Amino acid sequence: MLIYWLKTVGIGCASLLFLFLGIDDLMNAYSLTNPHMFIVYFFSSNLMILISLSGLLFSFFRIFTFIKNKRLKPL
């Protein structure tokens, strides 16, 4: 059970880190002057943001279903 929670929290924390890195890359992409480099940075940062959001949603739904199932169980 401990490994289950460590994986869930680890995925959530890593996703949060990559979300912030993706947002930072996206903001830095707008300061580029070369249009080709802008396109590369723009799409790579958006891909990073999308993948990290899916990791955050995965962790959120795992925790949410655990809490929901805990409440529904009779004592």
PDB file of N, CA and C in Angstrom:
ATOM      1  N   MET A   1       0.819  -1.193   0.000  1.00  0.00           N
ATOM      2  CA  MET A   1       0.000   0.000   0.000  1.00  0.00           C
ATOM      3  C   MET A   1       0.870   1.267   0.000  1.00  0.00           C
ATOM      4  N   LEU A   2       2.016   1.192   0.671  1.00  0.00           N
ATOM      5  CA  LEU A   2       2.912   2.343   0.706  1.00  0.00           C
ATOM      6  C   LEU A   2       3.482   2.633  -0.680  1.00  0.00           C
ATOM      7  N   ILE A   3       3.803   1.604  -1.422  1.00  0.00           N
ATOM      8  CA  ILE A   3       4.340   1.790  -2.773  1.00  0.00           C
ATOM      9  C   ILE A   3       3.287   2.431  -3.677  1.00  0.00           C
ATOM     10  N   TYR A   4       2.028   2.057  -3.497  1.00  0.00           N
ATOM     11  CA  TYR A   4       0.914   2.643  -4.262  1.00  0.00           C
ATOM     12  C   TYR A   4       0.880   4.158  -4.064  1.00  0.00           C
ATOM     13  N   TRP A   5       0.972   4.603  -2.815  1.00  0.00           N
ATOM     14  CA  TRP A   5       0.918   6.032  -2.536  1.00  0.00           C
ATOM     15  C   TRP A   5       2.182   6.747  -2.967  1.00  0.00           C
ATOM     16  N   LEU A   6       3.321   6.098  -2.833  1.00  0.00           N
ATOM     17  CA  LEU A   6       4.569   6.718  -3.279  1.00  0.00           C
ATOM     18  C   LEU A   6       4.559   6.944  -4.791  1.00  0.00           C
ATOM     19  N   LYS A   7       4.045   5.957  -5.525  1.00  0.00           N
ATOM     20  CA  LYS A   7       3.951   6.132  -6.986  1.00  0.00           C
ATOM     21  C   LYS A   7       2.986   7.250  -7.347  1.00  0.00           C
ATOM     22  N   THR A   8       1.843   7.290  -6.681  1.00  0.00           N
ATOM     23  CA  THR A   8       0.840   8.312  -6.987  1.00  0.00           C
ATOM     24  C   THR A   8       1.365   9.707  -6.674  1.00  0.00           C
ATOM     25  N   VAL A   9       1.975   9.862  -5.518  1.00  0.00           N
ATOM     26  CA  VAL A   9       2.520  11.176  -5.140  1.00  0.00           C
ATOM     27  C   VAL A   9       3.715  11.528  -6.018  1.00  0.00           C
ATOM     28  N   GLY A  10       4.540  10.553  -6.353  1.00  0.00           N
ATOM     29  CA  GLY A  10       5.689  10.808  -7.225  1.00  0.00           C
ATOM     30  C   GLY A  10       5.270  11.262  -8.613  1.00  0.00           C
ATOM     31  N   ILE A  11       4.259  10.613  -9.162  1.00  0.00           N
ATOM     32  CA  ILE A  11       3.756  11.019 -10.482  1.00  0.00           C
ATOM     33  C   ILE A  11       3.163  12.421 -10.410  1.00  0.00           C
ATOM     34  N   GLY A  12       2.438  12.699  -9.345  1.00  0.00           N
ATOM     35  CA  GLY A  12       1.855  14.035  -9.185  1.00  0.00           C
ATOM     36  C   GLY A  12       2.903  15.120  -9.055  1.00  0.00           C
ATOM     37  N   CYS A  13       3.935  14.867  -8.253  1.00  0.00           N
ATOM     38  CA  CYS A  13       4.993  15.868  -8.069  1.00  0.00           C
ATOM     39  C   CYS A  13       5.811  16.072  -9.338  1.00  0.00           C
ATOM     40  N   ALA A  14       6.140  14.983 -10.016  1.00  0.00           N
ATOM     41  CA  ALA A  14       6.896  15.101 -11.272  1.00  0.00           C
ATOM     42  C   ALA A  14       6.063  15.833 -12.318  1.00  0.00           C
ATOM     43  N   SER A  15       4.778  15.552 -12.369  1.00  0.00           N
ATOM     44  CA  SER A  15       3.903  16.232 -13.329  1.00  0.00           C
ATOM     45  C   SER A  15       3.805  17.712 -13.024  1.00  0.00           C
ATOM     46  N   LEU A  16       3.748  18.054 -11.752  1.00  0.00           N
ATOM     47  CA  LEU A  16       3.689  19.459 -11.376  1.00  0.00           C
ATOM     48  C   LEU A  16       4.979  20.183 -11.758  1.00  0.00           C
ATOM     49  N   LEU A  17       6.117  19.525 -11.552  1.00  0.00           N
ATOM     50  CA  LEU A  17       7.397  20.113 -11.946  1.00  0.00           C
ATOM     51  C   LEU A  17       7.453  20.348 -13.451  1.00  0.00           C
ATOM     52  N   PHE A  18       7.060  19.342 -14.236  1.00  0.00           N
ATOM     53  CA  PHE A  18       7.099  19.493 -15.688  1.00  0.00           C
ATOM     54  C   PHE A  18       6.053  20.474 -16.190  1.00  0.00           C
ATOM     55  N   LEU A  19       4.963  20.637 -15.465  1.00  0.00           N
ATOM     56  CA  LEU A  19       3.982  21.650 -15.836  1.00  0.00           C
ATOM     57  C   LEU A  19       4.596  23.036 -15.711  1.00  0.00           C
ATOM     58  N   PHE A  20       5.285  23.286 -14.598  1.00  0.00           N
ATOM     59  CA  PHE A  20       5.923  24.599 -14.423  1.00  0.00           C
ATOM     60  C   PHE A  20       7.043  24.815 -15.434  1.00  0.00           C
ATOM     61  N   LEU A  21       7.807  23.763 -15.736  1.00  0.00           N
ATOM     62  CA  LEU A  21       8.853  23.898 -16.754  1.00  0.00           C
ATOM     63  C   LEU A  21       8.261  24.163 -18.136  1.00  0.00           C
ATOM     64  N   GLY A  22       7.148  23.524 -18.455  1.00  0.00           N
ATOM     65  CA  GLY A  22       6.485  23.746 -19.740  1.00  0.00           C
ATOM     66  C   GLY A  22       5.944  25.158 -19.861  1.00  0.00           C
ATOM     67  N   ILE A  23       5.365  25.668 -18.772  1.00  0.00           N
ATOM     68  CA  ILE A  23       4.854  27.041 -18.795  1.00  0.00           C
ATOM     69  C   ILE A  23       6.011  28.032 -18.937  1.00  0.00           C
ATOM     70  N   ASP A  24       7.113  27.754 -18.262  1.00  0.00           N
ATOM     71  CA  ASP A  24       8.292  28.620 -18.380  1.00  0.00           C
ATOM     72  C   ASP A  24       8.839  28.596 -19.812  1.00  0.00           C
ATOM     73  N   ASP A  25       8.910  27.413 -20.414  1.00  0.00           N
ATOM     74  CA  ASP A  25       9.361  27.318 -21.809  1.00  0.00           C
ATOM     75  C   ASP A  25       8.419  28.054 -22.751  1.00  0.00           C
ATOM     76  N   LEU A  26       7.133  27.965 -22.479  1.00  0.00           N
ATOM     77  CA  LEU A  26       6.161  28.654 -23.324  1.00  0.00           C
ATOM     78  C   LEU A  26       6.338  30.162 -23.247  1.00  0.00           C
ATOM     79  N   MET A  27       6.555  30.677 -22.050  1.00  0.00           N
ATOM     80  CA  MET A  27       6.774  32.124 -21.918  1.00  0.00           C
ATOM     81  C   MET A  27       8.089  32.545 -22.563  1.00  0.00           C
ATOM     82  N   ASN A  28       9.119  31.691 -22.458  1.00  0.00           N
ATOM     83  CA  ASN A  28      10.403  32.025 -23.086  1.00  0.00           C
ATOM     84  C   ASN A  28      10.347  31.914 -24.609  1.00  0.00           C
ATOM     85  N   ALA A  29       9.433  31.126 -25.132  1.00  0.00           N
ATOM     86  CA  ALA A  29       9.330  30.981 -26.584  1.00  0.00           C
ATOM     87  C   ALA A  29       8.918  32.294 -27.244  1.00  0.00           C
ATOM     88  N   TYR A  30       8.150  33.103 -26.543  1.00  0.00           N
ATOM     89  CA  TYR A  30       7.688  34.354 -27.135  1.00  0.00           C
ATOM     90  C   TYR A  30       8.791  35.409 -27.225  1.00  0.00           C
ATOM     91  N   SER A  31       9.916  35.181 -26.569  1.00  0.00           N
ATOM     92  CA  SER A  31      11.014  36.142 -26.668  1.00  0.00           C
ATOM     93  C   SER A  31      11.982  35.801 -27.807  1.00  0.00           C
ATOM     94  N   LEU A  32      11.771  34.700 -28.495  1.00  0.00           N
ATOM     95  CA  LEU A  32      12.661  34.304 -29.589  1.00  0.00           C
ATOM     96  C   LEU A  32      12.365  35.124 -30.840  1.00  0.00           C
ATOM     97  N   THR A  33      13.408  35.371 -31.614  1.00  0.00           N
ATOM     98  CA  THR A  33      13.241  36.149 -32.838  1.00  0.00           C
ATOM     99  C   THR A  33      13.210  35.271 -34.084  1.00  0.00           C
ATOM    100  N   ASN A  34      13.788  34.081 -34.003  1.00  0.00           N
ATOM    101  CA  ASN A  34      13.791  33.163 -35.131  1.00  0.00           C
ATOM    102  C   ASN A  34      12.454  32.418 -35.171  1.00  0.00           C
ATOM    103  N   PRO A  35      11.690  32.524 -36.279  1.00  0.00           N
ATOM    104  CA  PRO A  35      10.368  31.888 -36.325  1.00  0.00           C
ATOM    105  C   PRO A  35      10.422  30.363 -36.233  1.00  0.00           C
ATOM    106  N   HIS A  36      11.456  29.763 -36.778  1.00  0.00           N
ATOM    107  CA  HIS A  36      11.554  28.297 -36.711  1.00  0.00           C
ATOM    108  C   HIS A  36      11.791  27.827 -35.280  1.00  0.00           C
ATOM    109  N   MET A  37      12.638  28.521 -34.559  1.00  0.00           N
ATOM    110  CA  MET A  37      12.882  28.163 -33.161  1.00  0.00           C
ATOM    111  C   MET A  37      11.645  28.425 -32.314  1.00  0.00           C
ATOM    112  N   PHE A  38      10.893  29.463 -32.656  1.00  0.00           N
ATOM    113  CA  PHE A  38       9.650  29.736 -31.933  1.00  0.00           C
ATOM    114  C   PHE A  38       8.676  28.574 -32.082  1.00  0.00           C
ATOM    115  N   ILE A  39       8.514  28.089 -33.292  1.00  0.00           N
ATOM    116  CA  ILE A  39       7.588  26.981 -33.534  1.00  0.00           C
ATOM    117  C   ILE A  39       8.020  25.744 -32.756  1.00  0.00           C
ATOM    118  N   VAL A  40       9.315  25.446 -32.766  1.00  0.00           N
ATOM    119  CA  VAL A  40       9.824  24.267 -32.053  1.00  0.00           C
ATOM    120  C   VAL A  40       9.576  24.402 -30.562  1.00  0.00           C
ATOM    121  N   TYR A  41       9.928  25.539 -29.972  1.00  0.00           N
ATOM    122  CA  TYR A  41       9.735  25.745 -28.542  1.00  0.00           C
ATOM    123  C   TYR A  41       8.257  25.776 -28.179  1.00  0.00           C
ATOM    124  N   PHE A  42       7.454  26.406 -29.021  1.00  0.00           N
ATOM    125  CA  PHE A  42       6.028  26.527 -28.749  1.00  0.00           C
ATOM    126  C   PHE A  42       5.371  25.152 -28.683  1.00  0.00           C
ATOM    127  N   PHE A  43       5.598  24.320 -29.697  1.00  0.00           N
ATOM    128  CA  PHE A  43       4.943  23.018 -29.714  1.00  0.00           C
ATOM    129  C   PHE A  43       5.534  22.061 -28.680  1.00  0.00           C
ATOM    130  N   SER A  44       6.832  22.151 -28.419  1.00  0.00           N
ATOM    131  CA  SER A  44       7.409  21.261 -27.406  1.00  0.00           C
ATOM    132  C   SER A  44       6.918  21.640 -26.011  1.00  0.00           C
ATOM    133  N   SER A  45       6.777  22.922 -25.738  1.00  0.00           N
ATOM    134  CA  SER A  45       6.272  23.324 -24.426  1.00  0.00           C
ATOM    135  C   SER A  45       4.799  22.953 -24.263  1.00  0.00           C
ATOM    136  N   ASN A  46       4.025  23.076 -25.327  1.00  0.00           N
ATOM    137  CA  ASN A  46       2.626  22.666 -25.249  1.00  0.00           C
ATOM    138  C   ASN A  46       2.487  21.166 -25.040  1.00  0.00           C
ATOM    139  N   LEU A  47       3.344  20.384 -25.675  1.00  0.00           N
ATOM    140  CA  LEU A  47       3.318  18.937 -25.464  1.00  0.00           C
ATOM    141  C   LEU A  47       3.697  18.606 -24.028  1.00  0.00           C
ATOM    142  N   MET A  48       4.682  19.304 -23.492  1.00  0.00           N
ATOM    143  CA  MET A  48       5.093  19.083 -22.109  1.00  0.00           C
ATOM    144  C   MET A  48       3.957  19.421 -21.147  1.00  0.00           C
ATOM    145  N   ILE A  49       3.251  20.495 -21.416  1.00  0.00           N
ATOM    146  CA  ILE A  49       2.133  20.895 -20.572  1.00  0.00           C
ATOM    147  C   ILE A  49       1.010  19.864 -20.638  1.00  0.00           C
ATOM    148  N   LEU A  50       0.685  19.392 -21.823  1.00  0.00           N
ATOM    149  CA  LEU A  50      -0.392  18.410 -21.961  1.00  0.00           C
ATOM    150  C   LEU A  50      -0.064  17.096 -21.265  1.00  0.00           C
ATOM    151  N   ILE A  51       1.150  16.619 -21.405  1.00  0.00           N
ATOM    152  CA  ILE A  51       1.529  15.356 -20.763  1.00  0.00           C
ATOM    153  C   ILE A  51       1.542  15.516 -19.247  1.00  0.00           C
ATOM    154  N   SER A  52       2.030  16.636 -18.752  1.00  0.00           N
ATOM    155  CA  SER A  52       2.056  16.828 -17.306  1.00  0.00           C
ATOM    156  C   SER A  52       0.643  17.000 -16.741  1.00  0.00           C
ATOM    157  N   LEU A  53      -0.251  17.621 -17.489  1.00  0.00           N
ATOM    158  CA  LEU A  53      -1.635  17.725 -17.033  1.00  0.00           C
ATOM    159  C   LEU A  53      -2.306  16.354 -16.962  1.00  0.00           C
ATOM    160  N   SER A  54      -1.986  15.465 -17.897  1.00  0.00           N
ATOM    161  CA  SER A  54      -2.556  14.121 -17.826  1.00  0.00           C
ATOM    162  C   SER A  54      -2.015  13.365 -16.618  1.00  0.00           C
ATOM    163  N   GLY A  55      -0.750  13.583 -16.258  1.00  0.00           N
ATOM    164  CA  GLY A  55      -0.202  12.970 -15.051  1.00  0.00           C
ATOM    165  C   GLY A  55      -0.848  13.513 -13.791  1.00  0.00           C
ATOM    166  N   LEU A  56      -1.118  14.814 -13.766  1.00  0.00           N
ATOM    167  CA  LEU A  56      -1.802  15.398 -12.614  1.00  0.00           C
ATOM    168  C   LEU A  56      -3.230  14.880 -12.488  1.00  0.00           C
ATOM    169  N   LEU A  57      -3.921  14.770 -13.617  1.00  0.00           N
ATOM    170  CA  LEU A  57      -5.282  14.228 -13.576  1.00  0.00           C
ATOM    171  C   LEU A  57      -5.287  12.779 -13.128  1.00  0.00           C
ATOM    172  N   PHE A  58      -4.295  12.004 -13.562  1.00  0.00           N
ATOM    173  CA  PHE A  58      -4.176  10.614 -13.141  1.00  0.00           C
ATOM    174  C   PHE A  58      -4.041  10.528 -11.625  1.00  0.00           C
ATOM    175  N   SER A  59      -3.152  11.327 -11.058  1.00  0.00           N
ATOM    176  CA  SER A  59      -2.959  11.322  -9.603  1.00  0.00           C
ATOM    177  C   SER A  59      -4.202  11.812  -8.877  1.00  0.00           C
ATOM    178  N   PHE A  60      -4.818  12.855  -9.398  1.00  0.00           N
ATOM    179  CA  PHE A  60      -6.022  13.396  -8.770  1.00  0.00           C
ATOM    180  C   PHE A  60      -7.142  12.364  -8.724  1.00  0.00           C
ATOM    181  N   PHE A  61      -7.378  11.683  -9.849  1.00  0.00           N
ATOM    182  CA  PHE A  61      -8.472  10.714  -9.873  1.00  0.00           C
ATOM    183  C   PHE A  61      -8.174   9.483  -9.025  1.00  0.00           C
ATOM    184  N   ARG A  62      -6.921   9.080  -8.914  1.00  0.00           N
ATOM    185  CA  ARG A  62      -6.584   7.956  -8.032  1.00  0.00           C
ATOM    186  C   ARG A  62      -6.855   8.314  -6.578  1.00  0.00           C
ATOM    187  N   ILE A  63      -6.461   9.506  -6.175  1.00  0.00           N
ATOM    188  CA  ILE A  63      -6.689   9.940  -4.798  1.00  0.00           C
ATOM    189  C   ILE A  63      -8.178  10.166  -4.550  1.00  0.00           C
ATOM    190  N   PHE A  64      -8.869  10.773  -5.520  1.00  0.00           N
ATOM    191  CA  PHE A  64     -10.293  11.045  -5.380  1.00  0.00           C
ATOM    192  C   PHE A  64     -11.105   9.761  -5.243  1.00  0.00           C
ATOM    193  N   THR A  65     -10.800   8.751  -6.066  1.00  0.00           N
ATOM    194  CA  THR A  65     -11.551   7.497  -5.963  1.00  0.00           C
ATOM    195  C   THR A  65     -11.234   6.763  -4.665  1.00  0.00           C
ATOM    196  N   PHE A  66     -10.012   6.875  -4.165  1.00  0.00           N
ATOM    197  CA  PHE A  66      -9.672   6.259  -2.884  1.00  0.00           C
ATOM    198  C   PHE A  66     -10.483   6.895  -1.761  1.00  0.00           C
ATOM    199  N   ILE A  67     -10.547   8.230  -1.742  1.00  0.00           N
ATOM    200  CA  ILE A  67     -11.297   8.932  -0.702  1.00  0.00           C
ATOM    201  C   ILE A  67     -12.785   8.633  -0.831  1.00  0.00           C
ATOM    202  N   LYS A  68     -13.293   8.603  -2.044  1.00  0.00           N
ATOM    203  CA  LYS A  68     -14.709   8.328  -2.270  1.00  0.00           C
ATOM    204  C   LYS A  68     -15.062   6.919  -1.802  1.00  0.00           C
ATOM    205  N   ASN A  69     -14.207   5.940  -2.097  1.00  0.00           N
ATOM    206  CA  ASN A  69     -14.477   4.572  -1.676  1.00  0.00           C
ATOM    207  C   ASN A  69     -14.337   4.417  -0.174  1.00  0.00           C
ATOM    208  N   LYS A  70     -13.479   5.183   0.472  1.00  0.00           N
ATOM    209  CA  LYS A  70     -13.345   5.143   1.926  1.00  0.00           C
ATOM    210  C   LYS A  70     -14.611   5.619   2.606  1.00  0.00           C
ATOM    211  N   ARG A  71     -15.251   6.647   2.043  1.00  0.00           N
ATOM    212  CA  ARG A  71     -16.468   7.208   2.638  1.00  0.00           C
ATOM    213  C   ARG A  71     -17.648   6.267   2.460  1.00  0.00           C
ATOM    214  N   LEU A  72     -17.699   5.530   1.375  1.00  0.00           N
ATOM    215  CA  LEU A  72     -18.848   4.681   1.092  1.00  0.00           C
ATOM    216  C   LEU A  72     -18.839   3.378   1.871  1.00  0.00           C
ATOM    217  N   LYS A  73     -17.684   2.963   2.374  1.00  0.00           N
ATOM    218  CA  LYS A  73     -17.602   1.710   3.108  1.00  0.00           C
ATOM    219  C   LYS A  73     -18.285   1.822   4.475  1.00  0.00           C
ATOM    220  N   PRO A  74     -19.190   0.903   4.775  1.00  0.00           N
ATOM    221  CA  PRO A  74     -19.799   0.933   6.107  1.00  0.00           C
ATOM    222  C   PRO A  74     -18.834   0.392   7.162  1.00  0.00           C
ATOM    223  N   LEU A  75     -18.967   0.893   8.359  1.00  0.00           N
ATOM    224  CA  LEU A  75     -18.096   0.440   9.439  1.00  0.00           C
ATOM    225  C   LEU A  75     -18.594  -0.782  10.086  1.00  0.00           C
TER     226      LEU A  75
END
